[in-house]
Amino acid sequence: MSTSETQATSNTIEPFHVNIPQSALDDLKLRLDLVRWPERETVTDWSQGVPLVKARALIDYWRTKYDWRRFESKINKLPHFRTTIDGLGIHFIHIKSKHENALPLLLTHGWPGSFIEFIRTIPLLTDPTAFGGKTEDAFHVVIPSLPGYAFSDKPTETGWNIERIAKAWIVLMERLDYKHWVAQGGDWGAVITTILGQIHPPGLLAIHLNLLIVFPEKIPETLSHDEQRAVDAANKFSTDGSGYSQEHSTRPQTIGYALCDSPVALAMWIYEKFYEWTDNNGNPEDALELDEMLDNITLYWMMNTGASSVRIYWEHRRT
């Protein structure tokens, strides 16, 4: 599904170029043409999942208007690389700032994300002076793809848990010859970045998280308004929003058959999270453009990572 100048071996870092075969795009189009739809939901909201009218609209756009080659051309303008760490090929994007004293920044995504979610931030981080910032605000940016995601290899054995991934990221930053660096992450990226902070390898100066899951041992009887909202949100997620996580954590292979065989199943599994996890007014499109969502969904489909991407939940449950 992709090519590189040469396969990365040992400690080498090799340039990487994305080139999805036309046959894969044709196969996707055929599968979308042959979709078998269920009946519509029996409610008037998203409480049973993605409404049929929304599902049909997304798939129709994907089938008739979405252009992968547009996106492929866009991401190939970024410097992609692969290297082997702990026996696994790891894909990453590495963008050097033009500012000499820029601080290296490691960005880690989660599920159902990818390196795609950071693309908009790259120019802001690497060239802040172009946006009214200061030279000292500049970063060299390193964006790896988690094992089993995008253009990284898929583990063929158990053991690739968050601790092992964090240690692989330390090796990556050492291999890039960065003596001092910082790390940021959200979702699984936040968990992995937290582990980096706990390991505190030489050179790691600080971490930043945009997902914090911290609970007191006992919930106080009296809560402020904001505290009560947080508790209510946590309870709602536990009772009504965590089914996907339970499936990933217990039977990733079973759900993987659907996610790898049906592009519609994969799209809805991810599209629902764009609805639930973005600030919107009732539609995912309030927060993200259709092309943005389908760029990510199509990346998952083309690299056949429906199963491999969710095994991190299973690994984490067993550590």
C-alpha atoms as a PDB file:
ATOM      1  CA  MET A   1       0.000   0.000   0.000  1.00  0.00           C
ATOM      2  CA  SER A   2       2.986   2.301   0.350  1.00  0.00           C
ATOM      3  CA  THR A   3       6.562   2.546  -0.732  1.00  0.00           C
ATOM      4  CA  SER A   4       9.828   3.816   0.655  1.00  0.00           C
ATOM      5  CA  GLU A   5      13.210   4.362  -0.912  1.00  0.00           C
ATOM      6  CA  THR A   6      14.461   1.243   0.871  1.00  0.00           C
ATOM      7  CA  GLN A   7      13.122  -0.778   3.743  1.00  0.00           C
ATOM      8  CA  ALA A   8      14.287   0.554   7.098  1.00  0.00           C
ATOM      9  CA  THR A   9      16.619  -1.834   8.882  1.00  0.00           C
ATOM     10  CA  SER A  10      18.719  -1.676  12.022  1.00  0.00           C
ATOM     11  CA  ASN A  11      19.131   1.940  13.144  1.00  0.00           C
ATOM     12  CA  THR A  12      18.663   3.477   9.722  1.00  0.00           C
ATOM     13  CA  ILE A  13      16.070   6.148   9.008  1.00  0.00           C
ATOM     14  CA  GLU A  14      14.680   5.972   5.491  1.00  0.00           C
ATOM     15  CA  PRO A  15      12.523   8.437   3.528  1.00  0.00           C
ATOM     16  CA  PHE A  16       8.997   7.248   2.873  1.00  0.00           C
ATOM     17  CA  HIS A  17       6.542   8.068   0.089  1.00  0.00           C
ATOM     18  CA  VAL A  18       2.807   7.321   0.139  1.00  0.00           C
ATOM     19  CA  ASN A  19       1.445   5.655  -2.994  1.00  0.00           C
ATOM     20  CA  ILE A  20      -1.852   3.791  -2.706  1.00  0.00           C
ATOM     21  CA  PRO A  21      -2.450   1.510  -5.727  1.00  0.00           C
ATOM     22  CA  GLN A  22      -5.365   2.442  -7.959  1.00  0.00           C
ATOM     23  CA  SER A  23      -6.667  -1.099  -7.551  1.00  0.00           C
ATOM     24  CA  ALA A  24      -7.234  -0.416  -3.842  1.00  0.00           C
ATOM     25  CA  LEU A  25      -9.203   2.733  -4.622  1.00  0.00           C
ATOM     26  CA  ASP A  26     -11.264   0.842  -7.199  1.00  0.00           C
ATOM     27  CA  ASP A  27     -11.987  -1.891  -4.662  1.00  0.00           C
ATOM     28  CA  LEU A  28     -13.172   0.697  -2.135  1.00  0.00           C
ATOM     29  CA  LYS A  29     -15.508   2.236  -4.715  1.00  0.00           C
ATOM     30  CA  LEU A  30     -16.984  -1.181  -5.519  1.00  0.00           C
ATOM     31  CA  ARG A  31     -17.574  -2.007  -1.864  1.00  0.00           C
ATOM     32  CA  LEU A  32     -19.302   1.330  -1.323  1.00  0.00           C
ATOM     33  CA  ASP A  33     -21.493   0.698  -4.367  1.00  0.00           C
ATOM     34  CA  LEU A  34     -22.578  -2.675  -2.959  1.00  0.00           C
ATOM     35  CA  VAL A  35     -23.409  -1.594   0.597  1.00  0.00           C
ATOM     36  CA  ARG A  36     -26.445  -3.264   2.200  1.00  0.00           C
ATOM     37  CA  TRP A  37     -28.159  -0.793   4.506  1.00  0.00           C
ATOM     38  CA  PRO A  38     -30.070  -1.643   7.687  1.00  0.00           C
ATOM     39  CA  GLU A  39     -33.476  -0.183   8.454  1.00  0.00           C
ATOM     40  CA  ARG A  40     -33.491   3.271  10.014  1.00  0.00           C
ATOM     41  CA  GLU A  41     -33.147   3.718  13.755  1.00  0.00           C
ATOM     42  CA  THR A  42     -36.279   3.817  15.912  1.00  0.00           C
ATOM     43  CA  VAL A  43     -35.348   7.106  17.588  1.00  0.00           C
ATOM     44  CA  THR A  44     -34.920  10.667  16.362  1.00  0.00           C
ATOM     45  CA  ASP A  45     -31.412  11.273  17.701  1.00  0.00           C
ATOM     46  CA  TRP A  46     -27.966   9.610  17.879  1.00  0.00           C
ATOM     47  CA  SER A  47     -28.773   7.472  20.937  1.00  0.00           C
ATOM     48  CA  GLN A  48     -28.778   4.244  18.871  1.00  0.00           C
ATOM     49  CA  GLY A  49     -25.701   5.260  16.894  1.00  0.00           C
ATOM     50  CA  VAL A  50     -25.222   7.046  13.588  1.00  0.00           C
ATOM     51  CA  PRO A  51     -28.639   7.917  12.098  1.00  0.00           C
ATOM     52  CA  LEU A  52     -29.271   6.247   8.750  1.00  0.00           C
ATOM     53  CA  VAL A  53     -29.731   9.545   6.918  1.00  0.00           C
ATOM     54  CA  LYS A  54     -26.322  10.733   8.151  1.00  0.00           C
ATOM     55  CA  ALA A  55     -24.700   7.425   7.258  1.00  0.00           C
ATOM     56  CA  ARG A  56     -26.105   7.499   3.731  1.00  0.00           C
ATOM     57  CA  ALA A  57     -24.960  11.084   3.205  1.00  0.00           C
ATOM     58  CA  LEU A  58     -21.408  10.344   4.346  1.00  0.00           C
ATOM     59  CA  ILE A  59     -21.069   7.223   2.215  1.00  0.00           C
ATOM     60  CA  ASP A  60     -22.567   8.937  -0.818  1.00  0.00           C
ATOM     61  CA  TYR A  61     -20.003  11.719  -0.521  1.00  0.00           C
ATOM     62  CA  TRP A  62     -17.192   9.197  -0.017  1.00  0.00           C
ATOM     63  CA  ARG A  63     -18.331   7.207  -3.046  1.00  0.00           C
ATOM     64  CA  THR A  64     -18.936  10.074  -5.482  1.00  0.00           C
ATOM     65  CA  LYS A  65     -16.952  13.152  -4.426  1.00  0.00           C
ATOM     66  CA  TYR A  66     -14.086  12.289  -2.106  1.00  0.00           C
ATOM     67  CA  ASP A  67     -10.624  12.429  -3.713  1.00  0.00           C
ATOM     68  CA  TRP A  68      -7.880  10.403  -2.017  1.00  0.00           C
ATOM     69  CA  ARG A  69      -5.259  11.537  -4.537  1.00  0.00           C
ATOM     70  CA  ARG A  70      -5.802  15.131  -3.379  1.00  0.00           C
ATOM     71  CA  PHE A  71      -4.960  14.111   0.149  1.00  0.00           C
ATOM     72  CA  GLU A  72      -2.125  11.817  -0.886  1.00  0.00           C
ATOM     73  CA  SER A  73      -0.493  14.696  -2.752  1.00  0.00           C
ATOM     74  CA  LYS A  74      -0.913  16.912   0.307  1.00  0.00           C
ATOM     75  CA  ILE A  75       0.712  14.546   2.776  1.00  0.00           C
ATOM     76  CA  ASN A  76       3.531  13.665   0.384  1.00  0.00           C
ATOM     77  CA  LYS A  77       4.668  17.277   0.697  1.00  0.00           C
ATOM     78  CA  LEU A  78       5.569  16.445   4.295  1.00  0.00           C
ATOM     79  CA  PRO A  79       8.819  14.636   5.168  1.00  0.00           C
ATOM     80  CA  HIS A  80       7.842  11.044   6.010  1.00  0.00           C
ATOM     81  CA  PHE A  81      10.283   8.452   7.326  1.00  0.00           C
ATOM     82  CA  ARG A  82      10.412   4.895   8.631  1.00  0.00           C
ATOM     83  CA  THR A  83      12.809   3.245  11.016  1.00  0.00           C
ATOM     84  CA  THR A  84      12.892  -0.069  12.860  1.00  0.00           C
ATOM     85  CA  ILE A  85      12.610   0.033  16.647  1.00  0.00           C
ATOM     86  CA  ASP A  86      12.399  -3.086  18.810  1.00  0.00           C
ATOM     87  CA  GLY A  87      11.838  -5.175  15.695  1.00  0.00           C
ATOM     88  CA  LEU A  88       8.934  -3.100  14.375  1.00  0.00           C
ATOM     89  CA  GLY A  89       8.872  -0.640  11.491  1.00  0.00           C
ATOM     90  CA  ILE A  90       7.752   2.759  12.775  1.00  0.00           C
ATOM     91  CA  HIS A  91       6.495   5.527  10.509  1.00  0.00           C
ATOM     92  CA  PHE A  92       6.925   9.143  11.514  1.00  0.00           C
ATOM     93  CA  ILE A  93       6.847  12.665  10.145  1.00  0.00           C
ATOM     94  CA  HIS A  94       9.798  14.881  11.044  1.00  0.00           C
ATOM     95  CA  ILE A  95       9.602  18.598  10.294  1.00  0.00           C
ATOM     96  CA  LYS A  96      12.582  20.737  11.186  1.00  0.00           C
ATOM     97  CA  SER A  97      11.947  24.377  12.013  1.00  0.00           C
ATOM     98  CA  LYS A  98      13.925  27.028  10.172  1.00  0.00           C
ATOM     99  CA  HIS A  99      14.666  28.535  13.576  1.00  0.00           C
ATOM    100  CA  GLU A 100      17.997  27.168  14.767  1.00  0.00           C
ATOM    101  CA  ASN A 101      17.186  26.942  18.475  1.00  0.00           C
ATOM    102  CA  ALA A 102      13.753  25.361  18.058  1.00  0.00           C
ATOM    103  CA  LEU A 103      12.774  22.845  20.736  1.00  0.00           C
ATOM    104  CA  PRO A 104      12.065  19.271  19.557  1.00  0.00           C
ATOM    105  CA  LEU A 105       8.439  18.289  20.206  1.00  0.00           C
ATOM    106  CA  LEU A 106       7.098  14.723  20.072  1.00  0.00           C
ATOM    107  CA  LEU A 107       3.355  14.531  19.277  1.00  0.00           C
ATOM    108  CA  THR A 108       1.448  11.281  19.863  1.00  0.00           C
ATOM    109  CA  HIS A 109      -2.064  10.567  18.588  1.00  0.00           C
ATOM    110  CA  GLY A 110      -4.654   8.049  19.772  1.00  0.00           C
ATOM    111  CA  TRP A 111      -7.695   6.194  18.414  1.00  0.00           C
ATOM    112  CA  PRO A 112      -9.426   6.854  16.057  1.00  0.00           C
ATOM    113  CA  GLY A 113      -6.769   9.383  15.215  1.00  0.00           C
ATOM    114  CA  SER A 114      -3.543   9.447  13.249  1.00  0.00           C
ATOM    115  CA  PHE A 115      -0.801  11.851  12.258  1.00  0.00           C
ATOM    116  CA  ILE A 116      -3.504  13.606  10.222  1.00  0.00           C
ATOM    117  CA  GLU A 117      -4.920  15.378  13.266  1.00  0.00           C
ATOM    118  CA  PHE A 118      -1.662  17.306  13.734  1.00  0.00           C
ATOM    119  CA  ILE A 119      -1.218  18.525  10.152  1.00  0.00           C
ATOM    120  CA  ARG A 120      -2.883  21.897  10.723  1.00  0.00           C
ATOM    121  CA  THR A 121      -0.619  22.618  13.680  1.00  0.00           C
ATOM    122  CA  ILE A 122       2.676  21.932  11.898  1.00  0.00           C
ATOM    123  CA  PRO A 123       3.238  25.421  10.409  1.00  0.00           C
ATOM    124  CA  LEU A 124       2.121  27.078  13.643  1.00  0.00           C
ATOM    125  CA  LEU A 125       4.617  25.051  15.644  1.00  0.00           C
ATOM    126  CA  THR A 126       7.574  25.112  13.274  1.00  0.00           C
ATOM    127  CA  ASP A 127       7.274  28.712  12.075  1.00  0.00           C
ATOM    128  CA  PRO A 128       5.487  30.758  14.754  1.00  0.00           C
ATOM    129  CA  THR A 129       6.922  34.044  13.484  1.00  0.00           C
ATOM    130  CA  ALA A 130       4.787  33.668  10.359  1.00  0.00           C
ATOM    131  CA  PHE A 131       1.712  33.811  12.610  1.00  0.00           C
ATOM    132  CA  GLY A 132       2.731  36.619  14.946  1.00  0.00           C
ATOM    133  CA  GLY A 133       4.660  34.439  17.388  1.00  0.00           C
ATOM    134  CA  LYS A 134       8.234  34.627  18.582  1.00  0.00           C
ATOM    135  CA  THR A 135      11.336  32.778  17.447  1.00  0.00           C
ATOM    136  CA  GLU A 136      11.653  31.159  20.864  1.00  0.00           C
ATOM    137  CA  ASP A 137       8.186  29.629  20.368  1.00  0.00           C
ATOM    138  CA  ALA A 138       9.441  27.405  17.527  1.00  0.00           C
ATOM    139  CA  PHE A 139       9.532  23.605  17.595  1.00  0.00           C
ATOM    140  CA  HIS A 140      11.053  20.835  15.544  1.00  0.00           C
ATOM    141  CA  VAL A 141       8.098  18.451  15.224  1.00  0.00           C
ATOM    142  CA  VAL A 142       8.191  14.645  15.361  1.00  0.00           C
ATOM    143  CA  ILE A 143       4.890  12.806  14.767  1.00  0.00           C
ATOM    144  CA  PRO A 144       5.104   8.996  14.935  1.00  0.00           C
ATOM    145  CA  SER A 145       2.309   6.620  13.977  1.00  0.00           C
ATOM    146  CA  LEU A 146       1.461   4.178  16.748  1.00  0.00           C
ATOM    147  CA  PRO A 147       2.221   0.502  16.074  1.00  0.00           C
ATOM    148  CA  GLY A 148      -0.637  -0.909  14.010  1.00  0.00           C
ATOM    149  CA  TYR A 149      -1.643   2.525  12.727  1.00  0.00           C
ATOM    150  CA  ALA A 150      -1.147   4.216   9.348  1.00  0.00           C
ATOM    151  CA  PHE A 151       2.236   3.320   7.861  1.00  0.00           C
ATOM    152  CA  SER A 152       3.776   1.757  10.969  1.00  0.00           C
ATOM    153  CA  ASP A 153       4.030  -2.028  11.027  1.00  0.00           C
ATOM    154  CA  LYS A 154       1.390  -4.151  12.727  1.00  0.00           C
ATOM    155  CA  PRO A 155       2.644  -6.141  15.714  1.00  0.00           C
ATOM    156  CA  THR A 156       2.509  -9.892  15.141  1.00  0.00           C
ATOM    157  CA  GLU A 157       2.928 -10.781  18.813  1.00  0.00           C
ATOM    158  CA  THR A 158       1.513  -9.600  22.106  1.00  0.00           C
ATOM    159  CA  GLY A 159       3.384  -7.125  24.260  1.00  0.00           C
ATOM    160  CA  TRP A 160       3.126  -3.834  22.388  1.00  0.00           C
ATOM    161  CA  ASN A 161       1.544  -2.025  25.323  1.00  0.00           C
ATOM    162  CA  ILE A 162       1.838   1.641  26.245  1.00  0.00           C
ATOM    163  CA  GLU A 163       5.081   1.133  28.173  1.00  0.00           C
ATOM    164  CA  ARG A 164       6.746  -0.539  25.197  1.00  0.00           C
ATOM    165  CA  ILE A 165       5.535   2.202  22.872  1.00  0.00           C
ATOM    166  CA  ALA A 166       6.828   4.909  25.225  1.00  0.00           C
ATOM    167  CA  LYS A 167      10.241   3.237  25.297  1.00  0.00           C
ATOM    168  CA  ALA A 168      10.195   3.046  21.488  1.00  0.00           C
ATOM    169  CA  TRP A 169       9.540   6.794  21.348  1.00  0.00           C
ATOM    170  CA  ILE A 170      12.578   7.396  23.559  1.00  0.00           C
ATOM    171  CA  VAL A 171      14.683   5.396  21.108  1.00  0.00           C
ATOM    172  CA  LEU A 172      13.216   7.402  18.227  1.00  0.00           C
ATOM    173  CA  MET A 173      14.168  10.744  19.780  1.00  0.00           C
ATOM    174  CA  GLU A 174      17.649   9.437  20.568  1.00  0.00           C
ATOM    175  CA  ARG A 175      17.997   8.200  16.998  1.00  0.00           C
ATOM    176  CA  LEU A 176      17.104  11.675  15.759  1.00  0.00           C
ATOM    177  CA  ASP A 177      19.957  12.933  17.957  1.00  0.00           C
ATOM    178  CA  TYR A 178      17.795  15.196  20.085  1.00  0.00           C
ATOM    179  CA  LYS A 179      19.456  15.890  23.436  1.00  0.00           C
ATOM    180  CA  HIS A 180      16.567  17.870  24.916  1.00  0.00           C
ATOM    181  CA  TRP A 181      12.910  17.536  23.951  1.00  0.00           C
ATOM    182  CA  VAL A 182       9.315  17.759  25.118  1.00  0.00           C
ATOM    183  CA  ALA A 183       6.286  15.548  24.481  1.00  0.00           C
ATOM    184  CA  GLN A 184       2.558  16.061  23.987  1.00  0.00           C
ATOM    185  CA  GLY A 185      -0.353  13.678  23.542  1.00  0.00           C
ATOM    186  CA  GLY A 186      -4.093  13.159  23.636  1.00  0.00           C
ATOM    187  CA  ASP A 187      -6.201  10.015  24.009  1.00  0.00           C
ATOM    188  CA  TRP A 188      -3.751   7.074  23.905  1.00  0.00           C
ATOM    189  CA  GLY A 189      -1.113   9.674  23.174  1.00  0.00           C
ATOM    190  CA  ALA A 190      -1.804  11.201  26.582  1.00  0.00           C
ATOM    191  CA  VAL A 191      -1.418   7.824  28.286  1.00  0.00           C
ATOM    192  CA  ILE A 192       1.844   7.130  26.457  1.00  0.00           C
ATOM    193  CA  THR A 193       3.114  10.642  27.154  1.00  0.00           C
ATOM    194  CA  THR A 194       2.307  10.175  30.842  1.00  0.00           C
ATOM    195  CA  ILE A 195       4.450   7.033  30.825  1.00  0.00           C
ATOM    196  CA  LEU A 196       7.238   9.051  29.207  1.00  0.00           C
ATOM    197  CA  GLY A 197       7.002  11.489  32.095  1.00  0.00           C
ATOM    198  CA  GLN A 198       7.139   8.652  34.614  1.00  0.00           C
ATOM    199  CA  ILE A 199      10.183   7.123  32.931  1.00  0.00           C
ATOM    200  CA  HIS A 200      11.691  10.613  32.663  1.00  0.00           C
ATOM    201  CA  PRO A 201      14.482   9.703  30.250  1.00  0.00           C
ATOM    202  CA  PRO A 202      17.508  11.987  30.004  1.00  0.00           C
ATOM    203  CA  GLY A 203      16.629  14.919  27.787  1.00  0.00           C
ATOM    204  CA  LEU A 204      12.848  14.931  28.315  1.00  0.00           C
ATOM    205  CA  LEU A 205      12.166  18.375  29.738  1.00  0.00           C
ATOM    206  CA  ALA A 206       8.372  18.422  30.052  1.00  0.00           C
ATOM    207  CA  ILE A 207       5.117  16.816  28.955  1.00  0.00           C
ATOM    208  CA  HIS A 208       1.738  18.284  27.979  1.00  0.00           C
ATOM    209  CA  LEU A 209      -1.539  16.347  27.949  1.00  0.00           C
ATOM    210  CA  ASN A 210      -4.930  17.188  26.476  1.00  0.00           C
ATOM    211  CA  LEU A 211      -6.662  14.223  28.090  1.00  0.00           C
ATOM    212  CA  LEU A 212      -6.603  14.036  31.870  1.00  0.00           C
ATOM    213  CA  ILE A 213      -8.368  11.180  33.635  1.00  0.00           C
ATOM    214  CA  VAL A 214      -7.829  11.758  37.335  1.00  0.00           C
ATOM    215  CA  PHE A 215     -10.290  10.758  40.052  1.00  0.00           C
ATOM    216  CA  PRO A 216     -10.091  11.075  43.839  1.00  0.00           C
ATOM    217  CA  GLU A 217     -10.287   7.844  45.810  1.00  0.00           C
ATOM    218  CA  LYS A 218     -13.662   8.996  47.113  1.00  0.00           C
ATOM    219  CA  ILE A 219     -16.011  11.509  45.488  1.00  0.00           C
ATOM    220  CA  PRO A 220     -16.791  14.294  48.013  1.00  0.00           C
ATOM    221  CA  GLU A 221     -20.422  14.618  49.060  1.00  0.00           C
ATOM    222  CA  THR A 222     -20.463  18.316  48.219  1.00  0.00           C
ATOM    223  CA  LEU A 223     -19.327  19.303  44.740  1.00  0.00           C
ATOM    224  CA  SER A 224     -19.051  22.589  42.901  1.00  0.00           C
ATOM    225  CA  HIS A 225     -21.038  23.072  39.703  1.00  0.00           C
ATOM    226  CA  ASP A 226     -18.029  22.276  37.514  1.00  0.00           C
ATOM    227  CA  GLU A 227     -17.084  19.258  39.624  1.00  0.00           C
ATOM    228  CA  GLN A 228     -20.616  17.872  39.387  1.00  0.00           C
ATOM    229  CA  ARG A 229     -20.559  18.318  35.609  1.00  0.00           C
ATOM    230  CA  ALA A 230     -17.306  16.369  35.454  1.00  0.00           C
ATOM    231  CA  VAL A 231     -18.713  13.539  37.571  1.00  0.00           C
ATOM    232  CA  ASP A 232     -21.905  13.433  35.497  1.00  0.00           C
ATOM    233  CA  ALA A 233     -19.902  13.328  32.271  1.00  0.00           C
ATOM    234  CA  ALA A 234     -17.746  10.488  33.586  1.00  0.00           C
ATOM    235  CA  ASN A 235     -20.816   8.515  34.650  1.00  0.00           C
ATOM    236  CA  LYS A 236     -22.500   9.060  31.292  1.00  0.00           C
ATOM    237  CA  PHE A 237     -19.409   7.877  29.438  1.00  0.00           C
ATOM    238  CA  SER A 238     -19.181   4.792  31.639  1.00  0.00           C
ATOM    239  CA  THR A 239     -22.826   3.805  31.164  1.00  0.00           C
ATOM    240  CA  ASP A 240     -23.590   5.074  27.663  1.00  0.00           C
ATOM    241  CA  GLY A 241     -20.389   5.896  25.807  1.00  0.00           C
ATOM    242  CA  SER A 242     -17.801   3.222  26.489  1.00  0.00           C
ATOM    243  CA  GLY A 243     -19.194   0.253  24.581  1.00  0.00           C
ATOM    244  CA  TYR A 244     -16.600   0.645  21.835  1.00  0.00           C
ATOM    245  CA  SER A 245     -13.823   0.518  24.446  1.00  0.00           C
ATOM    246  CA  GLN A 246     -15.200  -2.660  25.997  1.00  0.00           C
ATOM    247  CA  GLU A 247     -15.291  -4.292  22.569  1.00  0.00           C
ATOM    248  CA  HIS A 248     -11.751  -3.158  21.738  1.00  0.00           C
ATOM    249  CA  SER A 249     -10.467  -4.275  25.132  1.00  0.00           C
ATOM    250  CA  THR A 250     -11.995  -7.732  25.077  1.00  0.00           C
ATOM    251  CA  ARG A 251     -12.534  -8.824  21.455  1.00  0.00           C
ATOM    252  CA  PRO A 252     -10.426  -6.679  19.084  1.00  0.00           C
ATOM    253  CA  GLN A 253     -10.134  -9.502  16.581  1.00  0.00           C
ATOM    254  CA  THR A 254     -13.893  -9.992  16.342  1.00  0.00           C
ATOM    255  CA  ILE A 255     -14.722  -6.338  15.699  1.00  0.00           C
ATOM    256  CA  GLY A 256     -11.697  -6.267  13.413  1.00  0.00           C
ATOM    257  CA  TYR A 257     -13.406  -8.545  10.891  1.00  0.00           C
ATOM    258  CA  ALA A 258     -16.136  -5.955  10.366  1.00  0.00           C
ATOM    259  CA  LEU A 259     -13.749  -2.992  10.350  1.00  0.00           C
ATOM    260  CA  CYS A 260     -11.391  -4.633   7.848  1.00  0.00           C
ATOM    261  CA  ASP A 261     -14.034  -6.086   5.519  1.00  0.00           C
ATOM    262  CA  SER A 262     -16.624  -3.307   5.362  1.00  0.00           C
ATOM    263  CA  PRO A 263     -15.647   0.313   4.679  1.00  0.00           C
ATOM    264  CA  VAL A 264     -19.125   1.360   5.802  1.00  0.00           C
ATOM    265  CA  ALA A 265     -18.687  -0.372   9.164  1.00  0.00           C
ATOM    266  CA  LEU A 266     -15.283   1.252   9.589  1.00  0.00           C
ATOM    267  CA  ALA A 267     -16.600   4.675   8.608  1.00  0.00           C
ATOM    268  CA  MET A 268     -19.526   4.546  11.037  1.00  0.00           C
ATOM    269  CA  TRP A 269     -17.352   3.212  13.876  1.00  0.00           C
ATOM    270  CA  ILE A 270     -15.141   6.297  13.509  1.00  0.00           C
ATOM    271  CA  TYR A 271     -17.734   8.852  12.349  1.00  0.00           C
ATOM    272  CA  GLU A 272     -19.743   8.281  15.523  1.00  0.00           C
ATOM    273  CA  LYS A 273     -16.707   9.377  17.551  1.00  0.00           C
ATOM    274  CA  PHE A 274     -16.346  12.531  15.485  1.00  0.00           C
ATOM    275  CA  TYR A 275     -19.895  13.284  16.613  1.00  0.00           C
ATOM    276  CA  GLU A 276     -19.332  12.405  20.264  1.00  0.00           C
ATOM    277  CA  TRP A 277     -15.838  13.805  20.752  1.00  0.00           C
ATOM    278  CA  THR A 278     -15.940  17.167  18.974  1.00  0.00           C
ATOM    279  CA  ASP A 279     -17.538  20.448  19.965  1.00  0.00           C
ATOM    280  CA  ASN A 280     -20.479  20.540  17.570  1.00  0.00           C
ATOM    281  CA  ASN A 281     -24.086  21.644  17.380  1.00  0.00           C
ATOM    282  CA  GLY A 282     -25.508  18.226  16.618  1.00  0.00           C
ATOM    283  CA  ASN A 283     -23.494  17.270  13.548  1.00  0.00           C
ATOM    284  CA  PRO A 284     -19.835  16.248  13.195  1.00  0.00           C
ATOM    285  CA  GLU A 285     -19.650  18.586  10.191  1.00  0.00           C
ATOM    286  CA  ASP A 286     -20.030  21.533  12.568  1.00  0.00           C
ATOM    287  CA  ALA A 287     -16.507  20.800  13.790  1.00  0.00           C
ATOM    288  CA  LEU A 288     -14.793  18.997  10.913  1.00  0.00           C
ATOM    289  CA  GLU A 289     -15.125  19.088   7.149  1.00  0.00           C
ATOM    290  CA  LEU A 290     -16.239  15.907   5.411  1.00  0.00           C
ATOM    291  CA  ASP A 291     -12.909  15.660   3.621  1.00  0.00           C
ATOM    292  CA  GLU A 292     -11.028  15.894   6.925  1.00  0.00           C
ATOM    293  CA  MET A 293     -13.020  13.044   8.424  1.00  0.00           C
ATOM    294  CA  LEU A 294     -12.761  10.923   5.297  1.00  0.00           C
ATOM    295  CA  ASP A 295      -9.011  11.521   4.996  1.00  0.00           C
ATOM    296  CA  ASN A 296      -8.610   9.779   8.332  1.00  0.00           C
ATOM    297  CA  ILE A 297     -11.204   7.082   7.657  1.00  0.00           C
ATOM    298  CA  THR A 298      -9.711   6.318   4.245  1.00  0.00           C
ATOM    299  CA  LEU A 299      -6.224   6.061   5.743  1.00  0.00           C
ATOM    300  CA  TYR A 300      -7.530   3.431   8.169  1.00  0.00           C
ATOM    301  CA  TRP A 301      -9.217   1.594   5.297  1.00  0.00           C
ATOM    302  CA  MET A 302      -6.320   1.664   2.845  1.00  0.00           C
ATOM    303  CA  MET A 303      -3.816   0.420   5.394  1.00  0.00           C
ATOM    304  CA  ASN A 304      -6.284  -2.188   6.739  1.00  0.00           C
ATOM    305  CA  THR A 305      -5.737  -1.120  10.345  1.00  0.00           C
ATOM    306  CA  GLY A 306      -9.255  -1.686  11.659  1.00  0.00           C
ATOM    307  CA  ALA A 307      -8.124  -4.580  13.859  1.00  0.00           C
ATOM    308  CA  SER A 308      -4.494  -3.666  14.523  1.00  0.00           C
ATOM    309  CA  SER A 309      -5.346  -0.143  15.686  1.00  0.00           C
ATOM    310  CA  VAL A 310      -7.716  -1.284  18.436  1.00  0.00           C
ATOM    311  CA  ARG A 311      -5.476  -3.976  19.929  1.00  0.00           C
ATOM    312  CA  ILE A 312      -3.814  -1.322  22.084  1.00  0.00           C
ATOM    313  CA  TYR A 313      -6.974  -1.458  24.238  1.00  0.00           C
ATOM    314  CA  TRP A 314      -6.573  -5.228  24.690  1.00  0.00           C
ATOM    315  CA  GLU A 315      -2.896  -4.813  25.531  1.00  0.00           C
ATOM    316  CA  HIS A 316      -3.603  -2.072  28.058  1.00  0.00           C
ATOM    317  CA  ARG A 317      -6.294  -4.110  29.799  1.00  0.00           C
ATOM    318  CA  ARG A 318      -3.743  -6.839  30.456  1.00  0.00           C
ATOM    319  CA  THR A 319      -0.940  -4.714  31.900  1.00  0.00           C
END
